Amino acid sequence: MTTTDNDTSGTMLTIKNLRKFRRDGDINRCILNNLNLTLEPGESVAVIGPSGCGKSTLLHLIAGLDTADGGDIQLENESILSMSEAQLDNYRKSRIGIVFQQFNLIDCLSVQDNILLPARLKNNLDLDYFKTITALLGVTPLLHKKPFQTSGGEQQRIAVARALIHKPQLVLADEPTGNLDEKNSLMVGKLLFDACQKLNTSLIMVTHSQQFAAMAQRSLRLQEGQLVSAQQPVARSQS
């Protein structure tokens, strides 16, 4: 499905004419310029582009962590931008999972309790699903440990398990392997794509990695505030 397709039947996420400005000195700079995107259930999309082009801003808007200046974001035809703070809190707890570049684990809790926290907050603890997730991500042997007793690659796999444990419809991953070495980066990224595919969970990953872009079902470039196919030539600024 193209990024500008207006037929939203059967789509899970729909973004229409999304606009976002950032103040840059005396200039109100347009970061996202009438951006459009549709995402189907279980579909994976990689978003690439240079630093500062608005990739993380896009994820923050989808997560309800930032406010848009125009347009709409709908999850199953429900507008995120019109939600109250209480509704947004419930939306983040129940319908999406987020994987950041930083692991954001709680050191005083065991790995098991870190992973289970979102499911407990949502009151949908499913121990069979927990066993499936931890096995998929290879963290079962770590469950009794504290996060500081594990490696960086292990901690990010734990963070991925935590993002999936409450059965979200959509996972947002913002440079999830940016703090890892090449070997661990490739392993964690592949595990994330594989887990989302097996669980039929939609995924949007912001990345600089061409390898991860190739793993996604669609690879899009954020260019001049809009999403275009990554196969299109890079637009050059007019002098």
C-alpha atoms as a PDB file:
ATOM      1  CA  MET A   1       0.000   0.000   0.000  1.00  0.00           C
ATOM      2  CA  THR A   2       1.350   3.397  -0.906  1.00  0.00           C
ATOM      3  CA  THR A   3       1.913   6.128   1.627  1.00  0.00           C
ATOM      4  CA  THR A   4      -0.785   8.247   0.016  1.00  0.00           C
ATOM      5  CA  ASP A   5      -3.505   5.617  -0.431  1.00  0.00           C
ATOM      6  CA  ASN A   6      -6.816   7.008   0.877  1.00  0.00           C
ATOM      7  CA  ASP A   7      -8.517   3.595   1.254  1.00  0.00           C
ATOM      8  CA  THR A   8      -8.184   2.937   4.984  1.00  0.00           C
ATOM      9  CA  SER A   9     -10.391  -0.185   5.117  1.00  0.00           C
ATOM     10  CA  GLY A  10      -8.545  -2.937   6.958  1.00  0.00           C
ATOM     11  CA  THR A  11      -5.682  -0.651   7.968  1.00  0.00           C
ATOM     12  CA  MET A  12      -4.432  -0.537  11.526  1.00  0.00           C
ATOM     13  CA  LEU A  13      -2.667   2.854  11.521  1.00  0.00           C
ATOM     14  CA  THR A  14      -3.584   5.823   9.347  1.00  0.00           C
ATOM     15  CA  ILE A  15      -1.671   9.115   9.300  1.00  0.00           C
ATOM     16  CA  LYS A  16      -3.221  11.921   7.251  1.00  0.00           C
ATOM     17  CA  ASN A  17      -1.577  15.235   6.340  1.00  0.00           C
ATOM     18  CA  LEU A  18       0.467  15.303   9.554  1.00  0.00           C
ATOM     19  CA  ARG A  19       2.260  18.588  10.224  1.00  0.00           C
ATOM     20  CA  LYS A  20       4.805  19.514  12.871  1.00  0.00           C
ATOM     21  CA  PHE A  21       6.826  22.696  13.300  1.00  0.00           C
ATOM     22  CA  ARG A  22       9.891  23.337  15.454  1.00  0.00           C
ATOM     23  CA  ARG A  23      11.132  26.736  16.557  1.00  0.00           C
ATOM     24  CA  ASP A  24      14.666  27.330  15.248  1.00  0.00           C
ATOM     25  CA  GLY A  25      15.727  30.786  16.442  1.00  0.00           C
ATOM     26  CA  ASP A  26      13.389  33.230  14.726  1.00  0.00           C
ATOM     27  CA  ILE A  27      12.221  30.621  12.219  1.00  0.00           C
ATOM     28  CA  ASN A  28       9.317  28.196  12.594  1.00  0.00           C
ATOM     29  CA  ARG A  29      10.801  25.212  10.776  1.00  0.00           C
ATOM     30  CA  CYS A  30       8.495  22.609   9.210  1.00  0.00           C
ATOM     31  CA  ILE A  31       9.626  19.140  10.343  1.00  0.00           C
ATOM     32  CA  LEU A  32       6.707  17.096   9.012  1.00  0.00           C
ATOM     33  CA  ASN A  33       4.894  18.509   5.998  1.00  0.00           C
ATOM     34  CA  ASN A  34       1.507  16.910   5.253  1.00  0.00           C
ATOM     35  CA  LEU A  35       2.957  13.461   5.921  1.00  0.00           C
ATOM     36  CA  ASN A  36       0.800  10.432   5.073  1.00  0.00           C
ATOM     37  CA  LEU A  37       1.157   6.773   6.011  1.00  0.00           C
ATOM     38  CA  THR A  38      -1.009   3.675   6.276  1.00  0.00           C
ATOM     39  CA  LEU A  39       0.056   0.525   8.097  1.00  0.00           C
ATOM     40  CA  GLU A  40      -1.697  -2.822   8.001  1.00  0.00           C
ATOM     41  CA  PRO A  41      -1.955  -5.294  10.908  1.00  0.00           C
ATOM     42  CA  GLY A  42       1.301  -7.215  11.257  1.00  0.00           C
ATOM     43  CA  GLU A  43       3.162  -5.032   8.745  1.00  0.00           C
ATOM     44  CA  SER A  44       6.718  -3.825   9.377  1.00  0.00           C
ATOM     45  CA  VAL A  45       8.033  -0.488   8.124  1.00  0.00           C
ATOM     46  CA  ALA A  46      11.532   0.951   8.414  1.00  0.00           C
ATOM     47  CA  VAL A  47      11.917   4.741   8.352  1.00  0.00           C
ATOM     48  CA  ILE A  48      15.330   6.026   7.340  1.00  0.00           C
ATOM     49  CA  GLY A  49      16.782   9.486   6.834  1.00  0.00           C
ATOM     50  CA  PRO A  50      19.529  11.783   8.123  1.00  0.00           C
ATOM     51  CA  SER A  51      19.744  12.878  11.750  1.00  0.00           C
ATOM     52  CA  GLY A  52      17.400  15.753  12.546  1.00  0.00           C
ATOM     53  CA  CYS A  53      14.965  15.093   9.690  1.00  0.00           C
ATOM     54  CA  GLY A  54      12.065  14.290  12.043  1.00  0.00           C
ATOM     55  CA  LYS A  55      12.111  10.489  12.358  1.00  0.00           C
ATOM     56  CA  SER A  56      11.993  10.448  16.159  1.00  0.00           C
ATOM     57  CA  THR A  57       9.444  13.282  16.124  1.00  0.00           C
ATOM     58  CA  LEU A  58       7.174  11.092  13.996  1.00  0.00           C
ATOM     59  CA  LEU A  59       7.394   8.225  16.500  1.00  0.00           C
ATOM     60  CA  HIS A  60       6.768  10.578  19.430  1.00  0.00           C
ATOM     61  CA  LEU A  61       3.621  11.859  17.720  1.00  0.00           C
ATOM     62  CA  ILE A  62       2.343   8.330  17.073  1.00  0.00           C
ATOM     63  CA  ALA A  63       3.065   7.477  20.720  1.00  0.00           C
ATOM     64  CA  GLY A  64       1.172  10.529  21.944  1.00  0.00           C
ATOM     65  CA  LEU A  65       4.331  11.944  23.528  1.00  0.00           C
ATOM     66  CA  ASP A  66       4.213  15.117  21.420  1.00  0.00           C
ATOM     67  CA  THR A  67       1.471  17.251  19.872  1.00  0.00           C
ATOM     68  CA  ALA A  68       0.938  17.812  16.154  1.00  0.00           C
ATOM     69  CA  ASP A  69       0.287  21.142  14.437  1.00  0.00           C
ATOM     70  CA  GLY A  70      -2.114  19.672  11.903  1.00  0.00           C
ATOM     71  CA  GLY A  71      -3.461  16.492  10.361  1.00  0.00           C
ATOM     72  CA  ASP A  72      -4.501  13.327  12.157  1.00  0.00           C
ATOM     73  CA  ILE A  73      -3.195   9.996  13.452  1.00  0.00           C
ATOM     74  CA  GLN A  74      -5.712   7.177  13.790  1.00  0.00           C
ATOM     75  CA  LEU A  75      -5.307   3.714  15.278  1.00  0.00           C
ATOM     76  CA  GLU A  76      -8.172   1.566  14.017  1.00  0.00           C
ATOM     77  CA  ASN A  77     -10.093   4.729  13.066  1.00  0.00           C
ATOM     78  CA  GLU A  78      -9.699   6.276  16.532  1.00  0.00           C
ATOM     79  CA  SER A  79      -7.914   9.630  16.530  1.00  0.00           C
ATOM     80  CA  ILE A  80      -4.904   9.741  18.835  1.00  0.00           C
ATOM     81  CA  LEU A  81      -4.661  13.530  18.567  1.00  0.00           C
ATOM     82  CA  SER A  82      -8.099  14.041  20.095  1.00  0.00           C
ATOM     83  CA  MET A  83      -7.464  11.800  23.123  1.00  0.00           C
ATOM     84  CA  SER A  84      -7.386  13.206  26.652  1.00  0.00           C
ATOM     85  CA  GLU A  85      -4.286  12.690  28.809  1.00  0.00           C
ATOM     86  CA  ALA A  86      -6.027   9.808  30.593  1.00  0.00           C
ATOM     87  CA  GLN A  87      -6.927   8.207  27.264  1.00  0.00           C
ATOM     88  CA  LEU A  88      -3.366   8.660  25.994  1.00  0.00           C
ATOM     89  CA  ASP A  89      -2.019   7.030  29.138  1.00  0.00           C
ATOM     90  CA  ASN A  90      -4.272   4.028  28.575  1.00  0.00           C
ATOM     91  CA  TYR A  91      -3.360   3.984  24.866  1.00  0.00           C
ATOM     92  CA  ARG A  92       0.354   3.780  25.691  1.00  0.00           C
ATOM     93  CA  LYS A  93      -0.199   1.136  28.374  1.00  0.00           C
ATOM     94  CA  SER A  94      -2.418  -1.122  26.304  1.00  0.00           C
ATOM     95  CA  ARG A  95      -2.166  -0.567  22.550  1.00  0.00           C
ATOM     96  CA  ILE A  96       1.450   0.273  21.724  1.00  0.00           C
ATOM     97  CA  GLY A  97       4.894  -0.869  22.801  1.00  0.00           C
ATOM     98  CA  ILE A  98       7.976   1.349  22.620  1.00  0.00           C
ATOM     99  CA  VAL A  99      11.633   0.358  22.291  1.00  0.00           C
ATOM    100  CA  PHE A 100      14.049   3.243  22.825  1.00  0.00           C
ATOM    101  CA  GLN A 101      17.768   3.468  22.113  1.00  0.00           C
ATOM    102  CA  GLN A 102      18.281   3.600  25.888  1.00  0.00           C
ATOM    103  CA  PHE A 103      17.218   0.398  27.630  1.00  0.00           C
ATOM    104  CA  ASN A 104      15.293   2.166  30.455  1.00  0.00           C
ATOM    105  CA  LEU A 105      15.226  -0.919  32.676  1.00  0.00           C
ATOM    106  CA  ILE A 106      14.623  -0.723  36.432  1.00  0.00           C
ATOM    107  CA  ASP A 107      17.759  -1.995  38.157  1.00  0.00           C
ATOM    108  CA  CYS A 108      16.064  -2.852  41.460  1.00  0.00           C
ATOM    109  CA  LEU A 109      13.683  -5.267  39.700  1.00  0.00           C
ATOM    110  CA  SER A 110      14.567  -8.671  38.293  1.00  0.00           C
ATOM    111  CA  VAL A 111      14.614  -9.172  34.531  1.00  0.00           C
ATOM    112  CA  GLN A 112      11.358 -11.115  34.870  1.00  0.00           C
ATOM    113  CA  ASP A 113       9.641  -8.292  36.757  1.00  0.00           C
ATOM    114  CA  ASN A 114      10.931  -5.706  34.263  1.00  0.00           C
ATOM    115  CA  ILE A 115       9.402  -7.673  31.394  1.00  0.00           C
ATOM    116  CA  LEU A 116       6.104  -8.325  33.165  1.00  0.00           C
ATOM    117  CA  LEU A 117       5.564  -4.740  34.347  1.00  0.00           C
ATOM    118  CA  PRO A 118       3.464  -3.518  31.347  1.00  0.00           C
ATOM    119  CA  ALA A 119       1.258  -6.624  31.462  1.00  0.00           C
ATOM    120  CA  ARG A 120       0.668  -6.148  35.180  1.00  0.00           C
ATOM    121  CA  LEU A 121      -0.225  -2.489  34.642  1.00  0.00           C
ATOM    122  CA  LYS A 122      -2.726  -3.564  31.998  1.00  0.00           C
ATOM    123  CA  ASN A 123      -3.982  -6.499  34.115  1.00  0.00           C
ATOM    124  CA  ASN A 124      -3.532  -8.942  31.234  1.00  0.00           C
ATOM    125  CA  LEU A 125      -0.768 -11.187  32.548  1.00  0.00           C
ATOM    126  CA  ASP A 126      -0.538 -14.305  30.344  1.00  0.00           C
ATOM    127  CA  LEU A 127       2.202 -16.643  31.574  1.00  0.00           C
ATOM    128  CA  ASP A 128       2.090 -18.855  28.478  1.00  0.00           C
ATOM    129  CA  TYR A 129       2.581 -15.778  26.302  1.00  0.00           C
ATOM    130  CA  PHE A 130       5.381 -14.652  28.637  1.00  0.00           C
ATOM    131  CA  LYS A 131       7.152 -17.979  28.088  1.00  0.00           C
ATOM    132  CA  THR A 132       6.717 -17.623  24.326  1.00  0.00           C
ATOM    133  CA  ILE A 133       8.126 -14.074  24.292  1.00  0.00           C
ATOM    134  CA  THR A 134      11.129 -14.829  26.487  1.00  0.00           C
ATOM    135  CA  ALA A 135      11.951 -17.946  24.458  1.00  0.00           C
ATOM    136  CA  LEU A 136      11.658 -16.047  21.152  1.00  0.00           C
ATOM    137  CA  LEU A 137      14.079 -13.396  22.398  1.00  0.00           C
ATOM    138  CA  GLY A 138      16.434 -15.778  24.176  1.00  0.00           C
ATOM    139  CA  VAL A 139      16.139 -14.145  27.597  1.00  0.00           C
ATOM    140  CA  THR A 140      14.705 -17.075  29.575  1.00  0.00           C
ATOM    141  CA  PRO A 141      18.076 -17.857  31.245  1.00  0.00           C
ATOM    142  CA  LEU A 142      18.290 -14.223  32.438  1.00  0.00           C
ATOM    143  CA  LEU A 143      14.948 -13.964  34.230  1.00  0.00           C
ATOM    144  CA  HIS A 144      16.338 -14.309  37.767  1.00  0.00           C
ATOM    145  CA  LYS A 145      19.068 -11.693  37.222  1.00  0.00           C
ATOM    146  CA  LYS A 146      18.995  -7.930  37.713  1.00  0.00           C
ATOM    147  CA  PRO A 147      19.497  -5.782  34.590  1.00  0.00           C
ATOM    148  CA  PHE A 148      22.947  -4.566  35.716  1.00  0.00           C
ATOM    149  CA  GLN A 149      24.080  -8.205  35.724  1.00  0.00           C
ATOM    150  CA  THR A 150      23.421  -8.539  31.990  1.00  0.00           C
ATOM    151  CA  SER A 151      25.195  -7.260  28.866  1.00  0.00           C
ATOM    152  CA  GLY A 152      24.050  -4.402  26.636  1.00  0.00           C
ATOM    153  CA  GLY A 153      22.735  -6.775  23.983  1.00  0.00           C
ATOM    154  CA  GLU A 154      20.872  -8.772  26.608  1.00  0.00           C
ATOM    155  CA  GLN A 155      19.374  -5.619  28.113  1.00  0.00           C
ATOM    156  CA  GLN A 156      17.972  -4.512  24.779  1.00  0.00           C
ATOM    157  CA  ARG A 157      16.459  -7.957  24.201  1.00  0.00           C
ATOM    158  CA  ILE A 158      14.858  -7.615  27.638  1.00  0.00           C
ATOM    159  CA  ALA A 159      13.522  -4.193  26.591  1.00  0.00           C
ATOM    160  CA  VAL A 160      12.049  -5.719  23.419  1.00  0.00           C
ATOM    161  CA  ALA A 161      10.339  -8.438  25.476  1.00  0.00           C
ATOM    162  CA  ARG A 162       8.927  -5.751  27.765  1.00  0.00           C
ATOM    163  CA  ALA A 163       7.553  -3.847  24.746  1.00  0.00           C
ATOM    164  CA  LEU A 164       5.739  -6.963  23.513  1.00  0.00           C
ATOM    165  CA  ILE A 165       4.491  -8.527  26.756  1.00  0.00           C
ATOM    166  CA  HIS A 166       1.151  -6.666  26.939  1.00  0.00           C
ATOM    167  CA  LYS A 167       0.238  -7.733  23.381  1.00  0.00           C
ATOM    168  CA  PRO A 168       0.332  -4.295  21.721  1.00  0.00           C
ATOM    169  CA  GLN A 169      -1.068  -3.750  18.257  1.00  0.00           C
ATOM    170  CA  LEU A 170       1.923  -1.624  17.282  1.00  0.00           C
ATOM    171  CA  VAL A 171       5.573  -1.463  18.339  1.00  0.00           C
ATOM    172  CA  LEU A 172       7.540   1.765  17.826  1.00  0.00           C
ATOM    173  CA  ALA A 173      11.314   1.292  17.816  1.00  0.00           C
ATOM    174  CA  ASP A 174      13.531   4.396  17.829  1.00  0.00           C
ATOM    175  CA  GLU A 175      17.085   3.404  16.824  1.00  0.00           C
ATOM    176  CA  PRO A 176      16.726   0.371  19.129  1.00  0.00           C
ATOM    177  CA  THR A 177      20.261  -0.897  18.528  1.00  0.00           C
ATOM    178  CA  GLY A 178      22.064   2.454  18.425  1.00  0.00           C
ATOM    179  CA  ASN A 179      24.016   1.734  21.635  1.00  0.00           C
ATOM    180  CA  LEU A 180      25.105  -1.783  20.658  1.00  0.00           C
ATOM    181  CA  ASP A 181      28.131  -3.132  18.818  1.00  0.00           C
ATOM    182  CA  GLU A 182      27.645  -4.459  15.290  1.00  0.00           C
ATOM    183  CA  LYS A 183      27.223  -8.114  16.291  1.00  0.00           C
ATOM    184  CA  ASN A 184      24.654  -7.451  19.026  1.00  0.00           C
ATOM    185  CA  SER A 185      22.921  -4.813  16.908  1.00  0.00           C
ATOM    186  CA  LEU A 186      22.251  -7.264  14.086  1.00  0.00           C
ATOM    187  CA  MET A 187      21.094  -9.979  16.497  1.00  0.00           C
ATOM    188  CA  VAL A 188      18.685  -7.742  18.436  1.00  0.00           C
ATOM    189  CA  GLY A 189      17.275  -6.129  15.293  1.00  0.00           C
ATOM    190  CA  LYS A 190      16.626  -9.475  13.637  1.00  0.00           C
ATOM    191  CA  LEU A 191      14.994 -10.824  16.805  1.00  0.00           C
ATOM    192  CA  LEU A 192      12.700  -7.784  16.933  1.00  0.00           C
ATOM    193  CA  PHE A 193      11.559  -8.231  13.331  1.00  0.00           C
ATOM    194  CA  ASP A 194      11.130 -11.997  13.770  1.00  0.00           C
ATOM    195  CA  ALA A 195       9.171 -11.646  17.022  1.00  0.00           C
ATOM    196  CA  CYS A 196       6.780  -9.049  15.565  1.00  0.00           C
ATOM    197  CA  GLN A 197       6.234 -11.212  12.493  1.00  0.00           C
ATOM    198  CA  LYS A 198       5.482 -14.344  14.531  1.00  0.00           C
ATOM    199  CA  LEU A 199       3.156 -12.428  16.868  1.00  0.00           C
ATOM    200  CA  ASN A 200       1.468 -10.519  13.990  1.00  0.00           C
ATOM    201  CA  THR A 201       2.386  -7.219  15.654  1.00  0.00           C
ATOM    202  CA  SER A 202       2.872  -4.135  13.482  1.00  0.00           C
ATOM    203  CA  LEU A 203       6.290  -2.472  13.702  1.00  0.00           C
ATOM    204  CA  ILE A 204       7.655   0.945  12.783  1.00  0.00           C
ATOM    205  CA  MET A 205      11.421   1.129  13.212  1.00  0.00           C
ATOM    206  CA  VAL A 206      13.439   4.319  12.878  1.00  0.00           C
ATOM    207  CA  THR A 207      16.943   3.319  11.854  1.00  0.00           C
ATOM    208  CA  HIS A 208      20.139   4.313  10.087  1.00  0.00           C
ATOM    209  CA  SER A 209      20.835   0.650   9.271  1.00  0.00           C
ATOM    210  CA  GLN A 210      20.385  -0.429   5.661  1.00  0.00           C
ATOM    211  CA  GLN A 211      20.341  -4.041   6.899  1.00  0.00           C
ATOM    212  CA  PHE A 212      17.284  -3.386   9.052  1.00  0.00           C
ATOM    213  CA  ALA A 213      15.662  -1.391   6.260  1.00  0.00           C
ATOM    214  CA  ALA A 214      16.028  -4.478   4.054  1.00  0.00           C
ATOM    215  CA  MET A 215      14.391  -6.685   6.730  1.00  0.00           C
ATOM    216  CA  ALA A 216      11.226  -4.561   6.834  1.00  0.00           C
ATOM    217  CA  GLN A 217       8.323  -5.233   4.494  1.00  0.00           C
ATOM    218  CA  ARG A 218       8.514  -1.579   3.460  1.00  0.00           C
ATOM    219  CA  SER A 219      11.402   0.850   3.664  1.00  0.00           C
ATOM    220  CA  LEU A 220      10.551   4.564   3.606  1.00  0.00           C
ATOM    221  CA  ARG A 221      12.711   7.676   3.648  1.00  0.00           C
ATOM    222  CA  LEU A 222      11.692  10.806   5.531  1.00  0.00           C
ATOM    223  CA  GLN A 223      12.548  13.512   3.032  1.00  0.00           C
ATOM    224  CA  GLU A 224      11.511  17.173   3.120  1.00  0.00           C
ATOM    225  CA  GLY A 225       8.915  16.346   5.760  1.00  0.00           C
ATOM    226  CA  GLN A 226       7.243  13.540   3.815  1.00  0.00           C
ATOM    227  CA  LEU A 227       7.631   9.774   3.562  1.00  0.00           C
ATOM    228  CA  VAL A 228       8.738   8.429   0.193  1.00  0.00           C
ATOM    229  CA  SER A 229       9.909   5.032  -0.953  1.00  0.00           C
ATOM    230  CA  ALA A 230      13.525   4.437   0.053  1.00  0.00           C
ATOM    231  CA  GLN A 231      14.158   3.372  -3.542  1.00  0.00           C
ATOM    232  CA  GLN A 232      13.463   6.890  -4.817  1.00  0.00           C
ATOM    233  CA  PRO A 233      16.489   9.125  -5.452  1.00  0.00           C
ATOM    234  CA  VAL A 234      17.371  11.453  -2.595  1.00  0.00           C
ATOM    235  CA  ALA A 235      15.999  14.937  -3.283  1.00  0.00           C
ATOM    236  CA  ARG A 236      18.619  17.663  -3.466  1.00  0.00           C
ATOM    237  CA  SER A 237      17.958  21.076  -1.930  1.00  0.00           C
ATOM    238  CA  GLN A 238      17.617  23.945  -4.355  1.00  0.00           C
ATOM    239  CA  SER A 239      20.505  26.412  -4.155  1.00  0.00           C
END
